[in-house]
Amino acid sequence: MILRLFYSVTAALLALTSVLLLTGMMYSAPVQGQTSMDRFATEANLNNRSSADGAVDKDLRPVIHSLASYPNCRFGVGGKVDGFVVADLNVGVSMDWLARTVPPRPNGADYVQTVRIKADLIAGYTFSPTTSTLYLIMDQNPGAVWLIGNEPDSPWQDDLLPETYARAYHRLYELIKQHDPSVYVGAGSIVQPTPLRMQYLDQVLDAYRNLYGESLPADLWSIHSYILSETTNCFDGACIPPGITATQGILYKRYDMFSTTIFRQRLIDFRTWMRDRGYRGTPLYITEFGELYPYPPYIASPYDDEAGGYMTEDRVVTFMTSTFDILLNLSDPSVGYPADANRLVQSWLWYSVSDPGYGGLLFDPTTHQRRPLGDIFAAYTQAISPSVDLLAVRVVADPGAISYTGQLETTTLKALVSNIGNISITAPITVAFYSGTPSTGTLIGSQVITTGLSGCARVVEISTTWAISEAGAHPMYVQIDPDDTINEVSKSNNGATGFALIATQHMYLPAIVKGN
């Protein structure tokens, strides 16, 4: 988290002296005045809107007013949840930038494990926890989500040159995946998805390929989504990433921190970056976002922005609920995650649980009582019902084409199944494969998923074999839950079609080798 040290120290001094300390690197706010909200009024209503970029904000969530607590995997929080009644927020994921053997799991929520990395002049980098402790944590938490580092692009956090981070990522990815292949591993979140930060990631990807001869492997990507000016002034904005020669990036204003237009567009931009680099079929998490300027009662007077508006909790309420609407509803058929009905983001974590050094805290750090913002968070998530929604992402034949020999040929059919609901399903899931078309198909075989399937687009691949005796293109399809035994949001997305080719003709393309 950028700015954390600066604001946390400021908050501590205020708690002792009750006097606002003014420095040349921070802006003082008038004691009186009103928050300027008019400039943001047109950004708050983004539902059911399409735009020229192809992204669509549409209602993708079944809303039934339900007060029951459950772990909604779409929503999460950042910060220590120990001692706070976080379960009433219905969050399904939390993280506190640590790796824990026994992590907190309110309502059974997932916990994102984090390996921290530091630059080292001799070794290049060091990491914590140690390898033996990592193995112990993995043994106690099989299949967990692991992030390698936190803000490697920020001098306030891991602060690593792109090549150094590529080396650290390679070592830790292999160490973790070899010990537990079922885990999900991703790169540490950048501060914000801007061109300057994506340039940093491009350098990481280039370094990884040059060092190891392959693309950087990632089970997920993660970002932070603050809106901060990018200059060499690290105290009132985001620093320039290490290894980047530019002296400035996008010079956002302080009032841009509340811009839902910028927030939305940058999600499309980062998903476009992912697609163009071969990662469209990878989930995306936002592991921190919110408002970073503290406000009363944790400072004496609110900060102001360039338009005369004040950083207040009321202003944060509007921003938070508007971004929740965007995150739940925004999809894009060209860059979205196919296994999640082309949604752009699969899970998002609000910052913070109780950090008074910044705005956006949901609980008072002393009394542990919910703040008004926390009440709004709870009301929002409690209005969303738990849901299961199974999706047949695709079905393919492997190999896709077989040479015809006049004999019986066998191909393997592979179906990718996803749960795009917001909770896990534990009941067995039958997946049936058919030859022909959905209206006239003949059963080839079926398999049963017995291990359950988490929500928010966790996927599982199911396969069966198919013996074919005739040449030609043979249509086939897959159907999830063909006997309609599972209660879910929609049955219309439970099928997918494909074909297997038994080829009688071949075309050979010449090999072209590029010379030096």
Protein backbone atom coordinates (compact mmCIF):
# COMPACT_ATOMS: atom_id res chain seq x y z
CA MET A 1 0.00 0.00 0.00
CA ILE A 2 1.58 3.28 -1.06
CA LEU A 3 1.46 6.18 1.38
CA ARG A 4 0.82 3.79 4.29
CA LEU A 5 3.84 4.73 6.33
CA PHE A 6 3.30 8.46 5.85
CA TYR A 7 -0.37 8.52 6.77
CA SER A 8 -0.08 5.97 9.57
CA VAL A 9 2.59 8.07 11.27
CA THR A 10 0.44 11.16 10.81
CA ALA A 11 -2.57 9.41 12.31
CA ALA A 12 -0.55 8.29 15.32
CA LEU A 13 0.69 11.80 16.00
CA LEU A 14 -2.83 13.16 15.75
CA ALA A 15 -4.08 10.59 18.21
CA LEU A 16 -1.48 11.83 20.72
CA THR A 17 -1.71 15.57 20.14
CA SER A 18 -5.16 16.14 18.57
CA VAL A 19 -3.45 18.70 16.38
CA LEU A 20 -3.27 18.40 12.59
CA LEU A 21 0.34 18.56 11.45
CA LEU A 22 0.74 20.33 8.15
CA THR A 23 3.66 19.62 5.85
CA GLY A 24 4.64 20.90 2.44
CA MET A 25 3.85 17.49 0.94
CA MET A 26 0.20 17.39 2.11
CA TYR A 27 -2.70 19.73 1.55
CA SER A 28 -4.51 21.27 4.50
CA ALA A 29 -8.29 21.55 4.33
CA PRO A 30 -10.49 24.43 5.48
CA VAL A 31 -12.38 23.65 8.67
CA GLN A 32 -15.72 24.47 7.13
CA GLY A 33 -17.27 23.78 3.73
CA GLN A 34 -19.28 21.25 1.81
CA THR A 35 -18.21 18.25 -0.25
CA SER A 36 -18.33 18.94 -3.95
CA MET A 37 -20.39 16.03 -5.31
CA ASP A 38 -21.90 17.54 -8.44
CA ARG A 39 -18.93 16.75 -10.65
CA PHE A 40 -19.35 13.04 -9.88
CA ALA A 41 -23.13 12.82 -10.17
CA THR A 42 -23.12 11.64 -13.77
CA GLU A 43 -20.65 8.85 -12.97
CA ALA A 44 -22.65 7.15 -10.25
CA ASN A 45 -25.26 5.55 -12.52
CA LEU A 46 -23.48 3.12 -14.86
CA ASN A 47 -25.91 0.20 -14.78
CA ASN A 48 -27.29 -1.24 -18.03
CA ARG A 49 -25.04 0.89 -20.20
CA SER A 50 -23.02 -0.07 -23.24
CA SER A 51 -20.25 1.98 -24.74
CA ALA A 52 -18.18 2.28 -27.87
CA ASP A 53 -15.42 0.19 -26.32
CA GLY A 54 -17.72 -2.85 -26.33
CA ALA A 55 -17.90 -3.27 -22.58
CA VAL A 56 -21.37 -3.63 -21.15
CA ASP A 57 -22.63 -2.86 -17.67
CA LYS A 58 -25.56 -5.20 -17.31
CA ASP A 59 -27.30 -6.86 -14.41
CA LEU A 60 -25.48 -10.17 -14.01
CA ARG A 61 -26.53 -10.82 -10.44
CA PRO A 62 -29.72 -12.41 -9.11
CA VAL A 63 -30.88 -10.02 -6.38
CA ILE A 64 -33.12 -11.39 -3.66
CA HIS A 65 -33.18 -9.50 -0.38
CA SER A 66 -31.54 -11.93 2.00
CA LEU A 67 -30.01 -11.14 5.39
CA ALA A 68 -28.43 -14.56 5.93
CA SER A 69 -24.65 -14.49 6.33
CA TYR A 70 -22.70 -16.41 3.72
CA PRO A 71 -19.28 -16.10 2.03
CA ASN A 72 -19.92 -14.23 -1.23
CA CYS A 73 -16.71 -14.90 -3.18
CA ARG A 74 -17.11 -11.72 -5.22
CA PHE A 75 -16.59 -9.46 -2.20
CA GLY A 76 -13.61 -9.26 0.10
CA VAL A 77 -11.73 -7.00 2.49
CA GLY A 78 -8.10 -6.10 3.06
CA GLY A 79 -6.62 -5.87 6.55
CA LYS A 80 -6.65 -7.99 9.67
CA VAL A 81 -10.15 -9.31 10.35
CA ASP A 82 -9.31 -10.80 13.75
CA GLY A 83 -11.61 -9.34 16.41
CA PHE A 84 -14.02 -7.71 13.94
CA VAL A 85 -17.50 -9.01 13.06
CA VAL A 86 -16.64 -9.32 9.39
CA ALA A 87 -19.02 -12.24 8.82
CA ASP A 88 -21.99 -9.85 8.65
CA LEU A 89 -20.41 -8.24 5.57
CA ASN A 90 -20.88 -11.53 3.67
CA VAL A 91 -17.32 -11.37 2.37
CA GLY A 92 -15.91 -14.48 0.77
CA VAL A 93 -12.22 -13.57 0.74
CA SER A 94 -9.75 -11.62 2.87
CA MET A 95 -6.05 -10.91 2.96
CA ASP A 96 -3.62 -9.12 5.24
CA TRP A 97 -0.42 -9.48 3.14
CA LEU A 98 0.88 -12.35 5.26
CA ALA A 99 1.16 -16.11 4.97
CA ARG A 100 -0.66 -17.88 7.82
CA THR A 101 -0.81 -21.48 8.91
CA VAL A 102 -4.25 -20.94 10.47
CA PRO A 103 -5.75 -17.96 8.66
CA PRO A 104 -9.01 -16.32 9.74
CA ARG A 105 -12.00 -17.55 7.74
CA PRO A 106 -15.16 -15.60 8.65
CA ASN A 107 -18.16 -17.55 7.29
CA GLY A 108 -15.65 -19.97 5.79
CA ALA A 109 -14.20 -17.27 3.52
CA ASP A 110 -11.02 -17.86 1.51
CA TYR A 111 -7.75 -16.29 2.62
CA VAL A 112 -5.18 -15.02 0.12
CA GLN A 113 -1.69 -16.09 1.17
CA THR A 114 1.19 -13.71 0.34
CA VAL A 115 4.92 -14.28 -0.01
CA ARG A 116 6.80 -11.04 0.66
CA ILE A 117 9.95 -10.21 -1.30
CA LYS A 118 12.74 -7.73 -0.57
CA ALA A 119 15.64 -6.61 -2.73
CA ASP A 120 19.04 -7.74 -1.51
CA LEU A 121 22.36 -6.37 -2.75
CA ILE A 122 24.11 -9.74 -2.50
CA ALA A 123 21.45 -12.37 -3.23
CA GLY A 124 19.33 -10.16 -5.48
CA TYR A 125 16.28 -10.75 -3.31
CA THR A 126 15.07 -12.50 -0.19
CA PHE A 127 11.60 -13.77 0.62
CA SER A 128 9.51 -14.57 3.66
CA PRO A 129 8.32 -16.83 5.11
CA THR A 130 11.14 -19.33 4.73
CA THR A 131 10.81 -22.35 2.47
CA SER A 132 10.16 -24.75 5.38
CA THR A 133 7.44 -22.47 6.75
CA LEU A 134 5.90 -22.14 3.29
CA TYR A 135 5.65 -25.91 3.05
CA LEU A 136 4.02 -26.09 6.46
CA ILE A 137 1.47 -23.43 5.52
CA MET A 138 0.70 -25.16 2.21
CA ASP A 139 0.22 -28.50 3.94
CA GLN A 140 -2.36 -26.90 6.23
CA ASN A 141 -4.05 -24.92 3.41
CA PRO A 142 -4.15 -27.04 0.24
CA GLY A 143 -5.46 -25.39 -2.90
CA ALA A 144 -5.09 -21.84 -1.54
CA VAL A 145 -4.52 -18.68 -3.56
CA TRP A 146 -0.94 -17.40 -3.33
CA LEU A 147 0.36 -14.02 -4.48
CA ILE A 148 4.09 -13.60 -4.99
CA GLY A 149 4.88 -10.20 -3.57
CA ASN A 150 2.86 -7.05 -3.02
CA GLU A 151 3.27 -3.92 -5.14
CA PRO A 152 6.67 -4.83 -6.60
CA ASP A 153 6.30 -1.58 -8.57
CA SER A 154 6.29 0.62 -5.43
CA PRO A 155 9.25 1.82 -3.33
CA TRP A 156 6.92 1.75 -0.31
CA GLN A 157 6.41 -2.00 -0.67
CA ASP A 158 8.43 -4.74 -2.42
CA ASP A 159 10.28 -2.30 -4.73
CA LEU A 160 11.88 -4.69 -7.21
CA LEU A 161 13.45 -4.14 -10.61
CA PRO A 162 11.55 -6.03 -13.32
CA GLU A 163 14.30 -8.60 -13.89
CA THR A 164 14.72 -9.17 -10.16
CA TYR A 165 11.00 -9.71 -9.78
CA ALA A 166 10.97 -12.12 -12.75
CA ARG A 167 13.70 -14.20 -11.07
CA ALA A 168 11.93 -14.19 -7.72
CA TYR A 169 8.59 -15.09 -9.32
CA HIS A 170 10.11 -18.01 -11.23
CA ARG A 171 11.73 -19.48 -8.15
CA LEU A 172 8.70 -19.08 -5.90
CA TYR A 173 6.17 -20.20 -8.50
CA GLU A 174 8.04 -23.46 -9.02
CA LEU A 175 8.67 -23.94 -5.29
CA ILE A 176 4.97 -23.50 -4.46
CA LYS A 177 3.48 -25.43 -7.40
CA GLN A 178 5.84 -28.37 -7.02
CA HIS A 179 4.84 -28.76 -3.38
CA ASP A 180 1.09 -28.35 -4.03
CA PRO A 181 -0.01 -28.39 -7.68
CA SER A 182 -3.59 -27.57 -6.64
CA VAL A 183 -2.78 -24.02 -5.49
CA TYR A 184 -3.49 -20.88 -7.52
CA VAL A 185 -0.43 -18.66 -7.95
CA GLY A 186 -0.34 -15.12 -9.28
CA ALA A 187 1.93 -12.10 -9.45
CA GLY A 188 1.84 -9.50 -6.70
CA SER A 189 -0.56 -6.64 -7.36
CA ILE A 190 0.66 -3.44 -8.98
CA VAL A 191 -0.46 -0.14 -7.42
CA GLN A 192 -2.89 0.71 -10.23
CA PRO A 193 -3.56 -0.40 -13.84
CA THR A 194 -2.01 2.52 -15.72
CA PRO A 195 0.20 2.53 -18.85
CA LEU A 196 3.28 3.17 -16.69
CA ARG A 197 2.51 0.14 -14.50
CA MET A 198 1.72 -2.05 -17.50
CA GLN A 199 5.08 -0.99 -18.96
CA TYR A 200 6.65 -2.31 -15.76
CA LEU A 201 4.80 -5.61 -16.16
CA ASP A 202 5.87 -5.82 -19.80
CA GLN A 203 9.47 -5.58 -18.65
CA VAL A 204 8.79 -8.36 -16.14
CA LEU A 205 7.31 -10.56 -18.89
CA ASP A 206 10.19 -9.80 -21.27
CA ALA A 207 12.77 -10.58 -18.57
CA TYR A 208 11.02 -13.84 -17.71
CA ARG A 209 10.98 -14.99 -21.33
CA ASN A 210 14.61 -14.02 -21.87
CA LEU A 211 15.69 -15.84 -18.72
CA TYR A 212 13.59 -18.99 -18.96
CA GLY A 213 12.53 -19.26 -22.61
CA GLU A 214 8.80 -19.32 -21.91
CA SER A 215 5.92 -17.06 -20.95
CA LEU A 216 5.43 -16.24 -17.28
CA PRO A 217 2.97 -18.82 -15.88
CA ALA A 218 0.07 -17.39 -13.87
CA ASP A 219 -3.09 -18.97 -12.50
CA LEU A 220 -4.50 -15.49 -11.91
CA TRP A 221 -3.58 -11.82 -12.22
CA SER A 222 -4.12 -9.31 -9.45
CA ILE A 223 -4.03 -5.54 -9.29
CA HIS A 224 -4.74 -2.70 -6.91
CA SER A 225 -7.02 -0.05 -8.30
CA TYR A 226 -6.27 3.24 -6.61
CA ILE A 227 -6.37 6.40 -8.70
CA LEU A 228 -3.14 8.25 -7.95
CA SER A 229 -0.92 10.75 -9.71
CA GLU A 230 2.32 9.15 -10.89
CA THR A 231 5.34 11.34 -10.16
CA THR A 232 8.58 11.25 -8.23
CA ASN A 233 6.62 12.70 -5.28
CA CYS A 234 5.75 9.47 -3.52
CA PHE A 235 4.01 11.17 -0.59
CA ASP A 236 1.02 12.53 -2.51
CA GLY A 237 0.66 9.96 -5.25
CA ALA A 238 2.16 6.79 -6.70
CA CYS A 239 5.91 6.59 -7.22
CA ILE A 240 7.56 5.81 -10.52
CA PRO A 241 8.10 2.03 -10.75
CA PRO A 242 11.68 0.80 -10.36
CA GLY A 243 13.43 0.31 -13.69
CA ILE A 244 11.21 2.83 -15.48
CA THR A 245 13.07 5.87 -16.82
CA ALA A 246 10.03 8.15 -17.10
CA THR A 247 9.71 10.88 -14.48
CA GLN A 248 5.92 10.99 -14.58
CA GLY A 249 2.95 8.97 -15.71
CA ILE A 250 -0.71 10.03 -15.61
CA LEU A 251 -1.08 13.15 -13.49
CA TYR A 252 -4.41 12.45 -11.85
CA LYS A 253 -5.97 15.09 -9.63
CA ARG A 254 -7.04 14.28 -6.10
CA TYR A 255 -10.70 14.47 -7.08
CA ASP A 256 -10.03 11.73 -9.67
CA MET A 257 -9.71 9.29 -6.76
CA PHE A 258 -13.55 9.19 -6.78
CA SER A 259 -13.97 8.91 -10.57
CA THR A 260 -15.95 5.82 -11.49
CA THR A 261 -15.36 6.62 -15.17
CA ILE A 262 -11.60 6.26 -14.70
CA PHE A 263 -12.09 3.22 -12.45
CA ARG A 264 -14.21 1.47 -15.07
CA GLN A 265 -12.06 2.28 -18.09
CA ARG A 266 -8.87 1.08 -16.45
CA LEU A 267 -10.43 -2.33 -15.85
CA ILE A 268 -11.08 -2.59 -19.58
CA ASP A 269 -7.54 -1.38 -20.30
CA PHE A 270 -5.95 -3.98 -18.04
CA ARG A 271 -8.12 -6.80 -19.38
CA THR A 272 -7.08 -5.69 -22.87
CA TRP A 273 -3.45 -5.88 -21.75
CA MET A 274 -4.08 -9.40 -20.45
CA ARG A 275 -5.74 -10.52 -23.68
CA ASP A 276 -3.00 -9.08 -25.89
CA ARG A 277 -0.37 -10.98 -23.90
CA GLY A 278 -2.16 -14.31 -23.90
CA TYR A 279 -3.81 -14.16 -20.48
CA ARG A 280 -7.45 -13.64 -21.40
CA GLY A 281 -8.31 -17.09 -20.03
CA THR A 282 -6.99 -16.10 -16.60
CA PRO A 283 -9.06 -14.72 -13.69
CA LEU A 284 -8.43 -11.19 -12.40
CA TYR A 285 -8.58 -10.12 -8.75
CA ILE A 286 -8.53 -6.61 -7.34
CA THR A 287 -6.85 -7.10 -3.99
CA GLU A 288 -7.02 -3.45 -2.88
CA PHE A 289 -9.10 -0.44 -3.84
CA GLY A 290 -10.70 2.41 -1.97
CA GLU A 291 -9.99 6.00 -0.88
CA LEU A 292 -6.63 6.83 0.68
CA TYR A 293 -7.08 10.20 2.37
CA PRO A 294 -8.06 9.93 6.06
CA TYR A 295 -11.02 11.95 7.28
CA PRO A 296 -12.67 12.92 10.59
CA PRO A 297 -12.90 11.62 13.27
CA TYR A 298 -9.42 10.23 12.59
CA ILE A 299 -8.02 13.64 11.65
CA ALA A 300 -9.13 17.08 12.79
CA SER A 301 -10.19 18.41 9.37
CA PRO A 302 -10.80 16.70 6.03
CA TYR A 303 -8.42 17.13 3.13
CA ASP A 304 -9.71 19.00 0.12
CA ASP A 305 -9.27 18.41 -3.59
CA GLU A 306 -8.51 20.83 -6.42
CA ALA A 307 -12.21 21.57 -6.97
CA GLY A 308 -12.84 22.46 -3.31
CA GLY A 309 -14.46 19.15 -2.41
CA TYR A 310 -13.65 17.41 0.85
CA MET A 311 -12.51 13.85 1.50
CA THR A 312 -15.37 12.63 3.68
CA GLU A 313 -17.02 9.34 4.53
CA ASP A 314 -20.21 10.36 2.69
CA ARG A 315 -18.20 10.82 -0.47
CA VAL A 316 -16.58 7.44 -0.05
CA VAL A 317 -20.01 5.79 0.35
CA THR A 318 -21.02 6.94 -3.14
CA PHE A 319 -17.73 5.81 -4.66
CA MET A 320 -17.81 2.41 -2.97
CA THR A 321 -21.34 1.46 -3.95
CA SER A 322 -20.85 2.75 -7.50
CA THR A 323 -17.70 0.68 -7.95
CA PHE A 324 -19.51 -2.36 -6.54
CA ASP A 325 -22.15 -1.89 -9.24
CA ILE A 326 -19.45 -1.72 -11.91
CA LEU A 327 -17.58 -4.77 -10.66
CA LEU A 328 -20.70 -6.92 -10.43
CA ASN A 329 -22.04 -5.97 -13.82
CA LEU A 330 -19.22 -5.09 -16.21
CA SER A 331 -18.58 -7.63 -18.95
CA ASP A 332 -16.93 -7.49 -22.35
CA PRO A 333 -17.17 -10.14 -25.10
CA SER A 334 -13.73 -9.29 -26.50
CA VAL A 335 -11.58 -9.06 -23.36
CA GLY A 336 -13.64 -10.52 -20.49
CA TYR A 337 -12.94 -13.85 -18.79
CA PRO A 338 -14.80 -16.51 -20.84
CA ALA A 339 -15.18 -18.84 -17.83
CA ASP A 340 -17.09 -16.05 -16.01
CA ALA A 341 -19.54 -15.07 -18.78
CA ASN A 342 -16.96 -12.48 -19.89
CA ARG A 343 -16.98 -10.54 -16.62
CA LEU A 344 -13.85 -8.45 -16.26
CA VAL A 345 -13.12 -9.00 -12.56
CA GLN A 346 -13.77 -12.17 -10.57
CA SER A 347 -13.17 -11.02 -6.96
CA TRP A 348 -12.45 -7.65 -5.32
CA LEU A 349 -11.23 -6.62 -1.87
CA TRP A 350 -12.10 -3.24 -0.36
CA TYR A 351 -9.42 -1.45 1.65
CA SER A 352 -9.66 -1.45 4.57
CA VAL A 353 -11.09 -3.26 7.57
CA SER A 354 -9.88 -0.72 10.15
CA ASP A 355 -6.84 1.33 9.06
CA PRO A 356 -7.36 4.92 10.37
CA GLY A 357 -4.36 6.18 8.41
CA TYR A 358 -6.53 6.11 5.28
CA GLY A 359 -10.11 6.69 4.30
CA GLY A 360 -12.48 3.82 3.64
CA LEU A 361 -12.23 1.92 6.92
CA LEU A 362 -15.26 -0.24 7.67
CA PHE A 363 -14.71 -0.64 11.43
CA ASP A 364 -13.44 1.65 14.16
CA PRO A 365 -9.99 0.32 15.14
CA THR A 366 -10.53 1.05 18.86
CA THR A 367 -14.14 0.08 19.54
CA HIS A 368 -14.30 -2.56 16.76
CA GLN A 369 -17.79 -1.25 15.96
CA ARG A 370 -18.90 -0.88 12.36
CA ARG A 371 -18.48 2.55 10.84
CA PRO A 372 -21.35 4.04 8.76
CA LEU A 373 -19.40 2.95 5.66
CA GLY A 374 -19.35 -0.59 7.04
CA ASP A 375 -23.13 -0.45 7.50
CA ILE A 376 -23.53 0.49 3.83
CA PHE A 377 -21.17 -2.32 2.81
CA ALA A 378 -23.23 -4.82 4.83
CA ALA A 379 -26.54 -3.55 3.46
CA TYR A 380 -25.23 -3.87 -0.09
CA THR A 381 -23.94 -7.42 0.22
CA GLN A 382 -26.89 -8.64 2.31
CA ALA A 383 -29.21 -7.60 -0.53
CA ILE A 384 -27.56 -10.19 -2.80
CA SER A 385 -28.69 -13.78 -2.54
CA PRO A 386 -26.30 -16.74 -2.57
CA SER A 387 -26.31 -18.42 -5.96
CA VAL A 388 -24.91 -21.30 -7.97
CA ASP A 389 -24.70 -20.90 -11.75
CA LEU A 390 -22.97 -23.65 -13.74
CA LEU A 391 -21.50 -22.71 -17.11
CA ALA A 392 -20.31 -25.00 -19.90
CA VAL A 393 -17.38 -22.90 -21.05
CA ARG A 394 -16.39 -25.11 -23.99
CA VAL A 395 -16.04 -28.67 -25.25
CA VAL A 396 -13.26 -29.77 -27.60
CA ALA A 397 -11.89 -32.95 -29.12
CA ASP A 398 -8.25 -33.80 -28.39
CA PRO A 399 -6.70 -34.23 -30.86
CA GLY A 400 -8.92 -31.90 -32.86
CA ALA A 401 -8.24 -33.83 -36.08
CA ILE A 402 -7.30 -37.48 -36.71
CA SER A 403 -6.16 -38.99 -40.02
CA TYR A 404 -8.67 -41.43 -41.45
CA THR A 405 -7.31 -44.98 -41.66
CA GLY A 406 -10.49 -46.95 -42.21
CA GLN A 407 -10.22 -48.25 -38.66
CA LEU A 408 -12.06 -47.23 -35.49
CA GLU A 409 -10.57 -43.96 -34.26
CA THR A 410 -10.68 -42.75 -30.66
CA THR A 411 -10.54 -39.14 -29.54
CA THR A 412 -10.82 -37.59 -26.10
CA LEU A 413 -13.59 -35.07 -25.45
CA LYS A 414 -12.73 -32.40 -22.88
CA ALA A 415 -15.30 -30.08 -21.31
CA LEU A 416 -14.46 -27.05 -19.19
CA VAL A 417 -17.07 -26.45 -16.47
CA SER A 418 -17.31 -23.28 -14.39
CA ASN A 419 -19.44 -22.05 -11.49
CA ILE A 420 -20.16 -18.36 -12.09
CA GLY A 421 -22.34 -18.08 -8.99
CA ASN A 422 -21.11 -16.45 -5.79
CA ILE A 423 -20.93 -19.56 -3.57
CA SER A 424 -19.49 -23.05 -3.84
CA ILE A 425 -21.52 -26.10 -4.79
CA THR A 426 -20.78 -29.29 -2.89
CA ALA A 427 -23.37 -31.59 -4.51
CA PRO A 428 -22.20 -34.00 -7.24
CA ILE A 429 -22.35 -32.51 -10.75
CA THR A 430 -23.08 -34.81 -13.69
CA VAL A 431 -21.57 -33.85 -17.05
CA ALA A 432 -22.88 -35.75 -20.08
CA PHE A 433 -21.34 -35.92 -23.58
CA TYR A 434 -23.49 -36.51 -26.69
CA SER A 435 -22.84 -37.11 -30.36
CA GLY A 436 -24.89 -35.10 -32.82
CA THR A 437 -26.78 -31.91 -32.04
CA PRO A 438 -28.69 -31.02 -28.86
CA SER A 439 -32.03 -31.86 -30.51
CA THR A 440 -31.01 -35.30 -31.83
CA GLY A 441 -28.00 -36.31 -29.74
CA THR A 442 -26.98 -39.78 -28.60
CA LEU A 443 -25.25 -40.25 -25.26
CA ILE A 444 -21.52 -40.98 -25.53
CA GLY A 445 -20.82 -41.10 -21.81
CA SER A 446 -20.98 -39.09 -18.62
CA GLN A 447 -18.70 -38.16 -15.73
CA VAL A 448 -19.46 -36.87 -12.24
CA ILE A 449 -17.66 -34.04 -10.46
CA THR A 450 -17.57 -35.22 -6.86
CA THR A 451 -15.20 -32.66 -5.37
CA GLY A 452 -17.56 -29.69 -5.55
CA LEU A 453 -16.85 -26.45 -7.39
CA SER A 454 -16.15 -23.03 -5.92
CA GLY A 455 -17.92 -19.94 -7.22
CA CYS A 456 -16.57 -16.85 -8.98
CA ALA A 457 -15.56 -18.87 -12.06
CA ARG A 458 -13.45 -21.63 -10.58
CA VAL A 459 -13.19 -24.27 -13.30
CA VAL A 460 -12.71 -28.01 -13.65
CA GLU A 461 -12.02 -30.05 -16.78
CA ILE A 462 -13.97 -33.27 -17.38
CA SER A 463 -13.21 -35.76 -20.15
CA THR A 464 -14.43 -38.93 -21.82
CA THR A 465 -13.40 -40.93 -24.90
CA TRP A 466 -15.33 -41.24 -28.15
CA ALA A 467 -14.80 -44.00 -30.76
CA ILE A 468 -15.59 -42.91 -34.33
CA SER A 469 -15.59 -45.17 -37.40
CA GLU A 470 -16.45 -42.78 -40.25
CA ALA A 471 -14.55 -39.93 -41.84
CA GLY A 472 -15.78 -36.36 -41.68
CA ALA A 473 -16.66 -33.67 -39.13
CA HIS A 474 -18.64 -35.18 -36.26
CA PRO A 475 -20.67 -32.75 -34.13
CA MET A 476 -20.96 -33.31 -30.41
CA TYR A 477 -22.04 -31.40 -27.35
CA VAL A 478 -21.81 -31.43 -23.58
CA GLN A 479 -24.62 -30.89 -21.08
CA ILE A 480 -24.17 -30.10 -17.38
CA ASP A 481 -26.76 -31.57 -15.01
CA PRO A 482 -28.81 -33.26 -17.76
CA ASP A 483 -31.33 -34.58 -15.23
CA ASP A 484 -31.97 -31.09 -13.80
CA THR A 485 -31.22 -32.01 -10.19
CA ILE A 486 -29.26 -28.86 -9.23
CA ASN A 487 -30.96 -25.63 -8.21
CA GLU A 488 -29.12 -22.84 -10.03
CA VAL A 489 -29.66 -19.42 -11.54
CA SER A 490 -29.96 -20.50 -15.17
CA LYS A 491 -30.00 -23.70 -17.21
CA SER A 492 -29.55 -21.87 -20.51
CA ASN A 493 -25.75 -21.82 -20.15
CA ASN A 494 -25.32 -25.50 -19.24
CA GLY A 495 -24.49 -26.70 -22.76
CA ALA A 496 -21.70 -26.23 -25.29
CA THR A 497 -21.12 -27.65 -28.77
CA GLY A 498 -18.07 -28.72 -30.77
CA PHE A 499 -16.91 -31.30 -33.30
CA ALA A 500 -14.28 -33.95 -33.89
CA LEU A 501 -12.66 -34.24 -37.33
CA ILE A 502 -11.63 -37.52 -38.97
CA ALA A 503 -9.69 -36.14 -41.94
CA THR A 504 -9.19 -37.77 -45.33
CA GLN A 505 -7.09 -34.98 -46.82
CA HIS A 506 -4.01 -33.20 -45.53
CA MET A 507 -2.37 -29.88 -46.26
CA TYR A 508 1.28 -29.40 -45.39
CA LEU A 509 2.53 -25.88 -44.85
CA PRO A 510 6.17 -25.00 -45.47
CA ALA A 511 8.36 -24.23 -42.49
CA ILE A 512 9.71 -20.68 -42.52
CA VAL A 513 12.83 -19.97 -40.49
CA LYS A 514 13.81 -16.39 -39.80
CA GLY A 515 17.50 -15.78 -40.35
CA ASN A 516 19.78 -13.59 -38.29
